[in-house]
Every structure is written in structure tokens, then in C-alpha cells.
């Protein structure tokens, strides 16, 4: 019985996590406008090995399922969504300011959940530093 409860709890957690891990920058037909005051926000963390490692860890836990290993929007959960998951390697994403990305991660837009209640500011800044490593070379 305890094993069944553990399995059920893990299954529910996985489903909930899937819902909250679509930090998808999902592509909609309408623009995703960021308030001007948010665009100029600066990342609180230097893009060093420590921040990138923390960002990678959080990305794997929160973003990986939809955005995929390399951020191309091809994660296993992407097919379950009715919107195309953004390719984080694209110029469209990479050319946005850290402030824009921080605001979008924080606020979300369906199907992408808002992360300001589930991730700390520090975790969101670290994710941005990690996302920058996806930039096309």
C-alpha cells in the first residue's frame, strides 16, 4: 500500500511538474510584449561557470520536458501542447534582453506557467545565463 501511494504521489508530481515546466515561450499569433520598464533589468549574476551550472540544474528540472536538452523546443512534453514551443537557440530568443527573458519566465503565458511563484529570482537569472549557452554558433 505504501509503495502504491509513493507511486501515485510521484505520478501526480510528474503531471504537475509537466504543467509547470512548460517555460515554453510558446509561440502565439499575438506578440508577447514586455513592459518597457522590465526590458532594461540587468541580470544579477555574472554568466560564470557557477551560475550556468545552477541554471542548467534548474533548467533540467523545470524546462527540459518542453524545451528539450538543447533548447530547441523539442522536449517530450512539447507534443502535448497546442502551441509550438519556442526554440531557445533562435535569434528571436537570444536577441532579447535578460530583462525581457526574466519577465517572460516570471509571468508566463499559456501554456507556459508563470514561474515567479515556483522559482526564486536567483533561479530565473541563472536559467537565463544557461539559456544563453544555447546561442547558435
N, C-alpha and C. Protein backbone atom coordinates (compact mmCIF):
# COMPACT_ATOMS: atom_id res chain seq x y z
N UNK A 1 0.82 -1.19 0.00
CA UNK A 1 0.00 0.00 0.00
C UNK A 1 0.87 1.26 0.00
N UNK A 2 1.92 1.25 0.82
CA UNK A 2 2.80 2.41 0.88
C UNK A 2 3.49 2.62 -0.47
N UNK A 3 3.89 1.52 -1.13
CA UNK A 3 4.52 1.61 -2.44
C UNK A 3 3.56 2.21 -3.46
N UNK A 4 2.27 1.82 -3.39
CA UNK A 4 1.27 2.37 -4.31
C UNK A 4 1.08 3.86 -4.08
N UNK A 5 1.07 4.29 -2.83
CA UNK A 5 0.92 5.71 -2.52
C UNK A 5 2.12 6.49 -3.02
N UNK A 6 3.30 5.91 -2.85
CA UNK A 6 4.52 6.57 -3.33
C UNK A 6 4.47 6.70 -4.85
N UNK A 7 4.08 5.64 -5.53
CA UNK A 7 3.98 5.66 -6.98
C UNK A 7 2.96 6.69 -7.43
N UNK A 8 1.80 6.71 -6.77
CA UNK A 8 0.76 7.66 -7.11
C UNK A 8 1.24 9.09 -6.88
N UNK A 9 1.90 9.31 -5.76
CA UNK A 9 2.42 10.65 -5.45
C UNK A 9 3.43 11.08 -6.51
N UNK A 10 4.31 10.18 -6.90
CA UNK A 10 5.30 10.52 -7.93
C UNK A 10 4.63 10.78 -9.27
N UNK A 11 3.59 10.02 -9.59
CA UNK A 11 2.87 10.22 -10.85
C UNK A 11 2.19 11.58 -10.87
N UNK A 12 1.53 11.92 -9.77
CA UNK A 12 0.87 13.22 -9.67
C UNK A 12 1.91 14.33 -9.76
N UNK A 13 3.02 14.16 -9.06
CA UNK A 13 4.08 15.17 -9.09
C UNK A 13 4.62 15.35 -10.50
N UNK A 14 4.78 14.26 -11.22
CA UNK A 14 5.26 14.33 -12.60
C UNK A 14 4.29 15.10 -13.47
N UNK A 15 3.00 14.82 -13.31
CA UNK A 15 1.98 15.54 -14.10
C UNK A 15 1.97 17.02 -13.77
N UNK A 16 2.02 17.34 -12.49
CA UNK A 16 2.02 18.74 -12.08
C UNK A 16 3.29 19.43 -12.58
N UNK A 17 4.41 18.73 -12.46
CA UNK A 17 5.67 19.29 -12.93
C UNK A 17 5.61 19.57 -14.43
N UNK A 18 5.02 18.67 -15.18
CA UNK A 18 4.89 18.88 -16.63
C UNK A 18 4.12 20.15 -16.91
N UNK A 19 3.07 20.38 -16.16
CA UNK A 19 2.30 21.60 -16.34
C UNK A 19 3.12 22.84 -16.01
N UNK A 20 3.93 22.73 -14.96
CA UNK A 20 4.71 23.88 -14.52
C UNK A 20 6.07 23.98 -15.17
N UNK A 21 6.38 23.07 -16.07
CA UNK A 21 7.69 23.12 -16.70
C UNK A 21 7.61 23.48 -18.17
N UNK A 22 6.53 24.04 -18.58
CA UNK A 22 6.44 24.45 -19.96
C UNK A 22 6.92 25.89 -20.09
N UNK A 23 8.07 26.18 -19.47
CA UNK A 23 8.65 27.52 -19.59
C UNK A 23 8.98 27.63 -21.07
N UNK A 24 7.89 27.76 -21.80
CA UNK A 24 7.93 27.47 -23.20
C UNK A 24 8.11 28.66 -24.11
N UNK A 25 7.96 29.85 -23.61
CA UNK A 25 7.93 30.98 -24.51
C UNK A 25 7.10 30.56 -25.72
N UNK A 26 5.98 29.90 -25.45
CA UNK A 26 5.14 29.33 -26.50
C UNK A 26 4.83 30.38 -27.56
N UNK A 27 4.89 29.96 -28.79
CA UNK A 27 4.68 30.89 -29.88
C UNK A 27 3.19 31.06 -30.13
N UNK A 28 2.74 32.27 -29.98
CA UNK A 28 1.34 32.63 -30.17
C UNK A 28 1.23 33.49 -31.42
N UNK A 29 0.01 33.70 -31.84
CA UNK A 29 -0.19 34.55 -33.01
C UNK A 29 -0.08 36.03 -32.65
N UNK A 30 -0.20 36.34 -31.37
CA UNK A 30 -0.07 37.74 -30.94
C UNK A 30 1.29 37.94 -30.29
N UNK A 31 1.85 39.13 -30.43
CA UNK A 31 3.17 39.40 -29.83
C UNK A 31 3.11 39.31 -28.31
N UNK A 32 4.23 38.95 -27.73
CA UNK A 32 4.34 38.88 -26.28
C UNK A 32 5.12 40.11 -25.85
N UNK A 33 4.39 41.16 -25.56
CA UNK A 33 5.00 42.45 -25.27
C UNK A 33 5.42 42.54 -23.81
N UNK A 34 6.65 42.93 -23.63
CA UNK A 34 7.23 43.09 -22.30
C UNK A 34 7.17 44.57 -21.95
N UNK A 35 6.73 44.91 -20.73
CA UNK A 35 6.73 46.33 -20.34
C UNK A 35 8.12 46.94 -20.49
N UNK A 36 8.16 48.17 -20.96
CA UNK A 36 9.44 48.86 -21.18
C UNK A 36 10.30 48.88 -19.92
N UNK A 37 9.67 49.03 -18.77
CA UNK A 37 10.43 49.10 -17.52
C UNK A 37 11.15 47.79 -17.20
N UNK A 38 10.68 46.70 -17.76
CA UNK A 38 11.28 45.39 -17.48
C UNK A 38 12.43 45.07 -18.44
N UNK A 39 12.39 45.61 -19.62
CA UNK A 39 13.39 45.28 -20.64
C UNK A 39 14.81 45.61 -20.23
N UNK A 40 14.97 46.66 -19.45
CA UNK A 40 16.32 47.11 -19.09
C UNK A 40 16.87 46.47 -17.81
N UNK A 41 16.09 45.60 -17.19
CA UNK A 41 16.60 44.93 -15.98
C UNK A 41 17.86 44.16 -16.30
N UNK A 42 18.81 44.24 -15.41
CA UNK A 42 20.09 43.57 -15.60
C UNK A 42 20.14 42.29 -14.78
N UNK A 43 20.76 41.29 -15.36
CA UNK A 43 20.94 40.01 -14.67
C UNK A 43 21.81 40.25 -13.43
N UNK A 44 21.35 39.71 -12.31
CA UNK A 44 22.06 39.90 -11.05
C UNK A 44 23.31 39.03 -10.94
N UNK A 45 23.44 38.08 -11.85
CA UNK A 45 24.56 37.14 -11.78
C UNK A 45 25.40 37.19 -13.05
N UNK A 46 26.69 37.22 -12.85
CA UNK A 46 27.60 37.12 -14.00
C UNK A 46 27.41 35.75 -14.63
N UNK A 47 27.58 35.70 -15.92
CA UNK A 47 27.43 34.44 -16.63
C UNK A 47 28.71 33.63 -16.48
N UNK A 48 28.93 33.16 -15.26
CA UNK A 48 30.13 32.36 -14.98
C UNK A 48 29.74 30.89 -14.84
N UNK A 49 30.74 30.05 -14.67
CA UNK A 49 30.51 28.61 -14.62
C UNK A 49 29.55 28.22 -13.50
N UNK A 50 29.62 28.90 -12.37
CA UNK A 50 28.76 28.58 -11.23
C UNK A 50 27.30 28.89 -11.53
N UNK A 51 27.03 30.07 -12.08
CA UNK A 51 25.66 30.45 -12.41
C UNK A 51 25.10 29.55 -13.51
N UNK A 52 25.91 29.27 -14.51
CA UNK A 52 25.47 28.41 -15.61
C UNK A 52 25.16 27.00 -15.10
N UNK A 53 25.98 26.48 -14.21
CA UNK A 53 25.74 25.14 -13.64
C UNK A 53 24.43 25.13 -12.84
N UNK A 54 24.19 26.18 -12.05
CA UNK A 54 22.93 26.26 -11.30
C UNK A 54 21.75 26.37 -12.27
N UNK A 55 21.91 27.19 -13.30
CA UNK A 55 20.85 27.35 -14.29
C UNK A 55 20.55 26.06 -15.03
N UNK A 56 21.59 25.31 -15.36
CA UNK A 56 21.41 24.04 -16.04
C UNK A 56 20.62 23.07 -15.17
N UNK A 57 20.94 23.05 -13.89
CA UNK A 57 20.24 22.15 -12.96
C UNK A 57 18.75 22.51 -12.88
N UNK A 58 18.46 23.78 -12.75
CA UNK A 58 17.07 24.21 -12.68
C UNK A 58 16.37 24.00 -14.02
N UNK A 59 17.06 24.28 -15.11
CA UNK A 59 16.51 24.05 -16.45
C UNK A 59 16.11 22.59 -16.62
N UNK A 60 16.99 21.69 -16.22
CA UNK A 60 16.69 20.26 -16.35
C UNK A 60 15.45 19.88 -15.54
N UNK A 61 15.27 20.50 -14.40
CA UNK A 61 14.13 20.18 -13.55
C UNK A 61 12.84 20.86 -14.02
N UNK A 62 12.96 22.04 -14.62
CA UNK A 62 11.77 22.84 -14.88
C UNK A 62 11.46 23.10 -16.36
N UNK A 63 12.43 23.05 -17.23
CA UNK A 63 12.24 23.49 -18.62
C UNK A 63 12.47 22.39 -19.65
N UNK A 64 13.26 21.42 -19.27
CA UNK A 64 13.75 20.37 -20.17
C UNK A 64 12.63 19.64 -20.91
N UNK A 65 11.55 19.31 -20.21
CA UNK A 65 10.50 18.49 -20.81
C UNK A 65 9.90 19.11 -22.06
N UNK A 66 9.80 20.41 -22.09
CA UNK A 66 9.22 21.06 -23.26
C UNK A 66 10.29 21.62 -24.20
N UNK A 67 11.30 22.25 -23.64
CA UNK A 67 12.32 22.88 -24.47
C UNK A 67 13.38 21.92 -24.97
N UNK A 68 13.52 20.77 -24.34
CA UNK A 68 14.48 19.78 -24.79
C UNK A 68 15.89 20.03 -24.28
N UNK A 69 16.73 19.04 -24.49
CA UNK A 69 18.10 19.06 -23.99
C UNK A 69 18.89 20.25 -24.49
N UNK A 70 18.71 20.58 -25.75
CA UNK A 70 19.49 21.67 -26.35
C UNK A 70 18.68 22.94 -26.56
N UNK A 71 17.47 23.00 -25.95
CA UNK A 71 16.66 24.21 -26.01
C UNK A 71 15.94 24.46 -27.31
N UNK A 72 15.80 23.44 -28.14
CA UNK A 72 15.22 23.63 -29.47
C UNK A 72 13.69 23.50 -29.51
N UNK A 73 13.08 23.35 -28.35
CA UNK A 73 11.62 23.23 -28.31
C UNK A 73 11.12 21.86 -28.68
N UNK A 74 12.00 20.87 -28.56
CA UNK A 74 11.65 19.51 -28.98
C UNK A 74 11.64 18.51 -27.82
N UNK A 75 11.33 18.99 -26.64
CA UNK A 75 11.26 18.09 -25.49
C UNK A 75 10.06 17.16 -25.59
N UNK A 76 10.06 16.13 -24.78
CA UNK A 76 8.99 15.12 -24.84
C UNK A 76 7.62 15.70 -24.52
N UNK A 77 7.54 16.77 -23.76
CA UNK A 77 6.26 17.38 -23.43
C UNK A 77 5.77 18.36 -24.49
N UNK A 78 6.61 18.73 -25.42
CA UNK A 78 6.24 19.73 -26.43
C UNK A 78 5.08 19.25 -27.30
N UNK A 79 5.06 17.97 -27.60
CA UNK A 79 4.00 17.41 -28.45
C UNK A 79 2.63 17.44 -27.78
N UNK A 80 2.60 17.59 -26.47
CA UNK A 80 1.34 17.60 -25.73
C UNK A 80 0.69 18.97 -25.72
N UNK A 81 1.39 19.98 -26.22
CA UNK A 81 0.90 21.35 -26.16
C UNK A 81 0.25 21.76 -27.47
N UNK A 82 -0.67 22.70 -27.38
CA UNK A 82 -1.33 23.18 -28.58
C UNK A 82 -0.60 24.36 -29.22
N UNK A 83 0.47 24.79 -28.61
CA UNK A 83 1.31 25.86 -29.16
C UNK A 83 2.70 25.30 -29.41
N UNK A 84 3.37 25.87 -30.40
CA UNK A 84 4.75 25.46 -30.67
C UNK A 84 5.66 26.02 -29.58
N UNK A 85 6.49 25.17 -29.04
CA UNK A 85 7.43 25.59 -28.01
C UNK A 85 8.59 26.32 -28.68
N UNK A 86 8.95 27.44 -28.11
CA UNK A 86 9.99 28.27 -28.71
C UNK A 86 11.34 27.57 -28.72
N UNK A 87 12.07 27.85 -29.76
CA UNK A 87 13.44 27.38 -29.90
C UNK A 87 14.34 28.40 -29.21
N UNK A 88 14.90 28.01 -28.07
CA UNK A 88 15.72 28.93 -27.28
C UNK A 88 17.06 29.25 -27.93
N UNK A 89 17.40 28.51 -28.98
CA UNK A 89 18.64 28.78 -29.71
C UNK A 89 18.43 29.86 -30.77
N UNK A 90 17.18 30.19 -31.04
CA UNK A 90 16.86 31.11 -32.14
C UNK A 90 17.29 32.54 -31.84
N UNK A 91 17.52 33.29 -32.90
CA UNK A 91 17.85 34.70 -32.76
C UNK A 91 16.71 35.45 -32.06
N UNK A 92 15.48 35.03 -32.33
CA UNK A 92 14.31 35.68 -31.73
C UNK A 92 14.40 35.66 -30.20
N UNK A 93 14.87 34.57 -29.64
CA UNK A 93 15.01 34.46 -28.19
C UNK A 93 16.34 35.06 -27.75
N UNK A 94 17.41 34.69 -28.40
CA UNK A 94 18.74 35.12 -27.99
C UNK A 94 18.95 36.64 -28.08
N UNK A 95 18.20 37.30 -28.97
CA UNK A 95 18.35 38.75 -29.12
C UNK A 95 17.54 39.55 -28.10
N UNK A 96 16.75 38.87 -27.29
CA UNK A 96 16.00 39.56 -26.25
C UNK A 96 16.94 39.88 -25.09
N UNK A 97 16.62 40.95 -24.38
CA UNK A 97 17.44 41.32 -23.22
C UNK A 97 17.19 40.32 -22.09
N UNK A 98 18.12 40.29 -21.15
CA UNK A 98 17.93 39.46 -19.97
C UNK A 98 16.65 39.87 -19.24
N UNK A 99 16.37 41.16 -19.21
CA UNK A 99 15.15 41.65 -18.56
C UNK A 99 13.89 41.12 -19.22
N UNK A 100 13.90 41.08 -20.55
CA UNK A 100 12.73 40.53 -21.27
C UNK A 100 12.54 39.05 -20.94
N UNK A 101 13.62 38.29 -20.98
CA UNK A 101 13.52 36.86 -20.68
C UNK A 101 13.08 36.64 -19.24
N UNK A 102 13.63 37.42 -18.32
CA UNK A 102 13.27 37.28 -16.92
C UNK A 102 11.77 37.53 -16.72
N UNK A 103 11.26 38.57 -17.36
CA UNK A 103 9.85 38.90 -17.23
C UNK A 103 8.98 37.79 -17.81
N UNK A 104 9.36 37.27 -18.97
CA UNK A 104 8.57 36.22 -19.61
C UNK A 104 8.58 34.93 -18.79
N UNK A 105 9.73 34.56 -18.26
CA UNK A 105 9.80 33.38 -17.41
C UNK A 105 8.96 33.61 -16.15
N UNK A 106 9.05 34.78 -15.61
CA UNK A 106 8.33 35.11 -14.38
C UNK A 106 6.82 35.11 -14.58
N UNK A 107 6.35 35.73 -15.65
CA UNK A 107 4.92 35.92 -15.88
C UNK A 107 4.25 34.78 -16.62
N UNK A 108 5.01 34.09 -17.47
CA UNK A 108 4.43 33.01 -18.25
C UNK A 108 3.36 33.49 -19.22
N UNK A 109 2.94 32.60 -20.06
CA UNK A 109 1.83 32.82 -21.00
C UNK A 109 1.40 31.46 -21.48
N UNK A 110 0.13 31.14 -21.29
CA UNK A 110 -0.35 29.78 -21.57
C UNK A 110 0.13 29.30 -22.91
N UNK A 111 0.61 28.10 -22.94
CA UNK A 111 0.57 27.07 -21.91
C UNK A 111 1.73 27.14 -20.91
N UNK A 112 2.60 28.11 -21.07
CA UNK A 112 3.73 28.24 -20.15
C UNK A 112 3.27 28.86 -18.84
N UNK A 113 3.52 28.18 -17.74
CA UNK A 113 3.09 28.73 -16.45
C UNK A 113 4.01 29.85 -16.00
N UNK A 114 3.49 30.68 -15.12
CA UNK A 114 4.35 31.70 -14.54
C UNK A 114 5.27 31.04 -13.52
N UNK A 115 6.48 31.52 -13.44
CA UNK A 115 7.47 30.90 -12.57
C UNK A 115 7.80 31.75 -11.35
N UNK A 116 7.22 32.92 -11.27
CA UNK A 116 7.57 33.81 -10.15
C UNK A 116 7.13 33.25 -8.80
N UNK A 117 6.24 32.27 -8.80
CA UNK A 117 5.81 31.65 -7.54
C UNK A 117 6.49 30.31 -7.30
N UNK A 118 7.13 29.76 -8.31
CA UNK A 118 7.75 28.43 -8.17
C UNK A 118 9.27 28.46 -8.21
N UNK A 119 9.84 29.50 -8.79
CA UNK A 119 11.29 29.64 -8.87
C UNK A 119 11.70 30.96 -8.23
N UNK A 120 12.82 30.96 -7.56
CA UNK A 120 13.32 32.20 -6.98
C UNK A 120 13.85 33.11 -8.08
N UNK A 121 14.01 34.38 -7.76
CA UNK A 121 14.62 35.30 -8.72
C UNK A 121 15.99 34.77 -9.13
N UNK A 122 16.76 34.31 -8.17
CA UNK A 122 18.11 33.79 -8.45
C UNK A 122 18.05 32.64 -9.46
N UNK A 123 17.11 31.73 -9.28
CA UNK A 123 16.99 30.60 -10.20
C UNK A 123 16.64 31.07 -11.60
N UNK A 124 15.77 32.05 -11.70
CA UNK A 124 15.39 32.56 -13.03
C UNK A 124 16.54 33.27 -13.71
N UNK A 125 17.34 34.04 -12.96
CA UNK A 125 18.52 34.68 -13.57
C UNK A 125 19.52 33.62 -14.02
N UNK A 126 19.72 32.59 -13.21
CA UNK A 126 20.65 31.52 -13.59
C UNK A 126 20.17 30.78 -14.83
N UNK A 127 18.87 30.55 -14.94
CA UNK A 127 18.33 29.90 -16.14
C UNK A 127 18.65 30.74 -17.37
N UNK A 128 18.51 32.04 -17.25
CA UNK A 128 18.82 32.92 -18.39
C UNK A 128 20.29 32.77 -18.79
N UNK A 129 21.18 32.73 -17.83
CA UNK A 129 22.60 32.52 -18.16
C UNK A 129 22.79 31.18 -18.87
N UNK A 130 22.07 30.16 -18.43
CA UNK A 130 22.18 28.86 -19.09
C UNK A 130 21.58 28.92 -20.50
N UNK A 131 20.44 29.56 -20.65
CA UNK A 131 19.80 29.68 -21.97
C UNK A 131 20.75 30.37 -22.96
N UNK A 132 21.54 31.30 -22.48
CA UNK A 132 22.49 31.99 -23.37
C UNK A 132 23.53 31.03 -23.94
N UNK A 133 23.77 29.91 -23.28
CA UNK A 133 24.75 28.94 -23.82
C UNK A 133 24.19 28.22 -25.04
N UNK A 134 22.90 28.34 -25.29
CA UNK A 134 22.26 27.70 -26.45
C UNK A 134 22.44 28.50 -27.73
N UNK A 135 22.97 29.69 -27.62
CA UNK A 135 23.07 30.56 -28.78
C UNK A 135 23.77 29.83 -29.93
N UNK A 136 23.17 29.96 -31.10
CA UNK A 136 23.74 29.32 -32.29
C UNK A 136 25.11 29.90 -32.57
N UNK A 137 26.01 29.02 -32.90
CA UNK A 137 27.38 29.45 -33.16
C UNK A 137 27.59 29.66 -34.64
